[in-house]
Amino acid sequence: MTTTWPTFPGTIPPFADHPDRACANTDTDVFFPDGGGDNGAEAKAICADCPLKQLCADWAAQQPRLKGIWGGFSERDRERLRGSRPTPPANVGRPPAERRPVSPARLAAVKKAMDAKSAATLATVAAHAAAGRSVPDIATQSGLSRRTVFRYLAKLGKAA
């Protein structure tokens, strides 16, 4: 029996066809325990004597969403070695976002700009409403959603 590699995001390992790998004639189910008390001891024992163990473990450590036993390490073992939890799926392949504190001056400037834009938009909606246009027409002409037009009309105290 030859090992067939399951497909998963991140590729097939570069050593998949290496003739010296200890897992070559082992059913892949051994390396992908389904829980229920199976901690992958059989797979880890096979990996223990493998000449490619370090290569396999290093490759697996670079694949944060990788499932199963690789190089004698389970997902949980690899998490502990990395000192972190796995990367969420939405962030796979992306560097983590850096969070910078926003200065009070920058926050005030953004709020002022938003208030100015909001005031200008309110004036536009008011002019369209005074001209007797319908909400869908105001939305189309102003580039706003109908819901936003309704909100501005509510600020103006006008029912649609």
Protein backbone atom coordinates (compact mmCIF):
# COMPACT_ATOMS: atom_id res chain seq x y z
CA MET A 1 0.00 0.00 0.00
CA THR A 2 1.38 3.42 -0.89
CA THR A 3 0.48 6.58 0.91
CA THR A 4 -1.76 8.91 -1.04
CA TRP A 5 -1.58 12.50 0.16
CA PRO A 6 -4.82 14.26 0.98
CA THR A 7 -5.26 17.54 -0.82
CA PHE A 8 -5.27 20.61 1.38
CA PRO A 9 -4.42 24.27 1.02
CA GLY A 10 -0.67 24.69 1.04
CA THR A 11 0.51 22.02 -1.41
CA ILE A 12 1.80 18.50 -1.23
CA PRO A 13 5.04 18.16 0.71
CA PRO A 14 8.21 18.29 -1.42
CA PHE A 15 9.33 14.94 -0.02
CA ALA A 16 6.06 13.15 -0.85
CA ASP A 17 7.76 10.75 -3.27
CA HIS A 18 10.99 10.26 -1.33
CA PRO A 19 11.76 6.51 -1.21
CA ASP A 20 13.20 6.60 2.35
CA ARG A 21 10.17 8.00 4.14
CA ALA A 22 8.87 5.67 6.84
CA CYS A 23 5.23 6.42 6.03
CA ALA A 24 5.51 5.25 2.41
CA ASN A 25 3.54 2.05 2.96
CA THR A 26 1.22 3.26 5.71
CA ASP A 27 -2.46 4.14 5.43
CA THR A 28 -2.88 7.93 5.70
CA ASP A 29 -5.72 7.48 8.20
CA VAL A 30 -3.04 6.69 10.78
CA PHE A 31 -1.64 10.22 10.38
CA PHE A 32 -5.04 11.92 10.54
CA PRO A 33 -6.61 10.69 13.80
CA ASP A 34 -10.27 11.57 14.22
CA GLY A 35 -10.08 12.21 17.94
CA GLY A 36 -12.04 9.91 20.21
CA GLY A 37 -9.00 9.21 22.38
CA ASP A 38 -6.64 8.62 19.43
CA ASN A 39 -3.67 10.89 20.03
CA GLY A 40 -1.73 9.72 16.99
CA ALA A 41 0.65 7.51 18.98
CA GLU A 42 0.94 5.01 16.10
CA ALA A 43 1.80 7.79 13.63
CA LYS A 44 4.30 9.35 16.04
CA ALA A 45 5.98 5.94 16.49
CA ILE A 46 6.33 5.59 12.70
CA CYS A 47 7.77 9.12 12.47
CA ALA A 48 10.25 8.45 15.31
CA ASP A 49 12.40 6.17 13.11
CA CYS A 50 11.98 8.12 9.86
CA PRO A 51 15.15 9.60 8.30
CA LEU A 52 13.01 12.48 6.95
CA LYS A 53 11.46 13.34 10.32
CA GLN A 54 13.20 16.73 10.68
CA LEU A 55 12.49 17.74 7.06
CA CYS A 56 8.84 16.78 7.50
CA ALA A 57 8.53 18.58 10.85
CA ASP A 58 10.16 21.74 9.46
CA TRP A 59 7.85 21.73 6.44
CA ALA A 60 4.78 21.22 8.64
CA ALA A 61 5.82 24.06 10.95
CA GLN A 62 5.59 26.43 7.96
CA GLN A 63 2.01 25.34 7.20
CA PRO A 64 -0.12 26.99 9.93
CA ARG A 65 -3.45 25.39 8.94
CA LEU A 66 -2.05 21.89 8.35
CA LYS A 67 -3.98 19.01 9.88
CA GLY A 68 -2.68 15.66 11.07
CA ILE A 69 0.62 14.25 12.33
CA TRP A 70 3.70 15.45 10.42
CA GLY A 71 7.29 14.76 11.48
CA GLY A 72 5.99 13.26 14.70
CA PHE A 73 4.09 16.41 15.70
CA SER A 74 0.33 16.87 15.93
CA GLU A 75 -1.44 20.16 15.25
CA ARG A 76 -1.44 20.91 18.97
CA ASP A 77 2.26 20.05 19.27
CA ARG A 78 3.08 22.43 16.41
CA GLU A 79 1.00 25.20 18.00
CA ARG A 80 2.92 24.79 21.25
CA LEU A 81 6.25 24.90 19.42
CA ARG A 82 5.22 28.04 17.54
CA GLY A 83 3.97 29.54 20.79
CA SER A 84 0.73 30.65 19.20
CA ARG A 85 -2.60 29.57 17.92
CA PRO A 86 -3.01 28.79 14.23
CA THR A 87 -3.69 31.65 11.88
CA PRO A 88 -7.40 32.17 11.21
CA PRO A 89 -8.45 31.07 7.71
CA ALA A 90 -9.16 34.62 6.62
CA ASN A 91 -5.53 35.56 7.28
CA VAL A 92 -3.80 32.64 5.59
CA GLY A 93 -1.06 34.05 3.41
CA ARG A 94 -1.44 37.57 4.76
CA PRO A 95 0.82 39.28 7.27
CA PRO A 96 -0.89 40.17 10.54
CA ALA A 97 -2.27 43.69 10.60
CA GLU A 98 -0.38 46.16 12.71
CA ARG A 99 -2.46 48.19 15.09
CA ARG A 100 -1.32 51.72 15.63
CA PRO A 101 -2.83 53.95 18.26
CA VAL A 102 -4.76 56.88 16.80
CA SER A 103 -3.78 60.22 18.24
CA PRO A 104 -6.56 62.41 19.67
CA ALA A 105 -5.66 65.14 17.13
CA ARG A 106 -6.04 62.71 14.20
CA LEU A 107 -9.31 61.41 15.61
CA ALA A 108 -10.65 64.98 15.93
CA ALA A 109 -9.60 65.80 12.35
CA VAL A 110 -11.34 62.71 10.97
CA LYS A 111 -14.50 63.47 12.98
CA LYS A 112 -14.49 67.07 11.70
CA ALA A 113 -14.10 65.89 8.10
CA MET A 114 -16.90 63.36 8.57
CA ASP A 115 -19.14 66.02 10.11
CA ALA A 116 -18.44 68.38 7.18
CA LYS A 117 -19.24 65.65 4.67
CA SER A 118 -22.35 64.69 6.61
CA ALA A 119 -23.49 68.33 6.67
CA ALA A 120 -22.95 68.65 2.91
CA THR A 121 -24.84 65.43 2.26
CA LEU A 122 -27.65 66.55 4.55
CA ALA A 123 -27.93 69.80 2.57
CA THR A 124 -28.04 67.86 -0.72
CA VAL A 125 -30.78 65.53 0.55
CA ALA A 126 -32.72 68.53 1.90
CA ALA A 127 -32.54 70.29 -1.49
CA HIS A 128 -33.75 67.18 -3.33
CA ALA A 129 -36.57 66.67 -0.80
CA ALA A 130 -37.61 70.33 -1.13
CA ALA A 131 -37.79 69.84 -4.89
CA GLY A 132 -40.30 67.03 -4.27
CA ARG A 133 -38.11 64.13 -5.41
CA SER A 134 -38.83 60.60 -4.19
CA VAL A 135 -36.48 58.66 -1.91
CA PRO A 136 -35.28 56.36 -4.75
CA ASP A 137 -34.57 59.42 -6.93
CA ILE A 138 -32.69 61.17 -4.12
CA ALA A 139 -30.68 58.00 -3.47
CA THR A 140 -29.75 57.59 -7.12
CA GLN A 141 -28.84 61.24 -7.67
CA SER A 142 -26.89 61.53 -4.41
CA GLY A 143 -25.08 58.19 -4.64
CA LEU A 144 -26.59 57.08 -1.34
CA SER A 145 -28.56 54.03 -0.29
CA ARG A 146 -32.28 54.44 0.30
CA ARG A 147 -31.69 53.64 3.95
CA THR A 148 -29.20 56.52 4.25
CA VAL A 149 -31.65 58.88 2.54
CA PHE A 150 -34.32 57.86 5.07
CA ARG A 151 -31.86 58.59 7.91
CA TYR A 152 -31.09 62.08 6.57
CA LEU A 153 -34.80 62.78 6.07
CA ALA A 154 -35.39 61.72 9.68
CA LYS A 155 -32.72 64.23 10.79
CA LEU A 156 -34.53 66.86 8.79
CA GLY A 157 -37.81 65.88 10.43
CA LYS A 158 -39.39 64.99 7.12
CA ALA A 159 -41.36 61.81 6.62
CA ALA A 160 -40.84 60.00 3.36
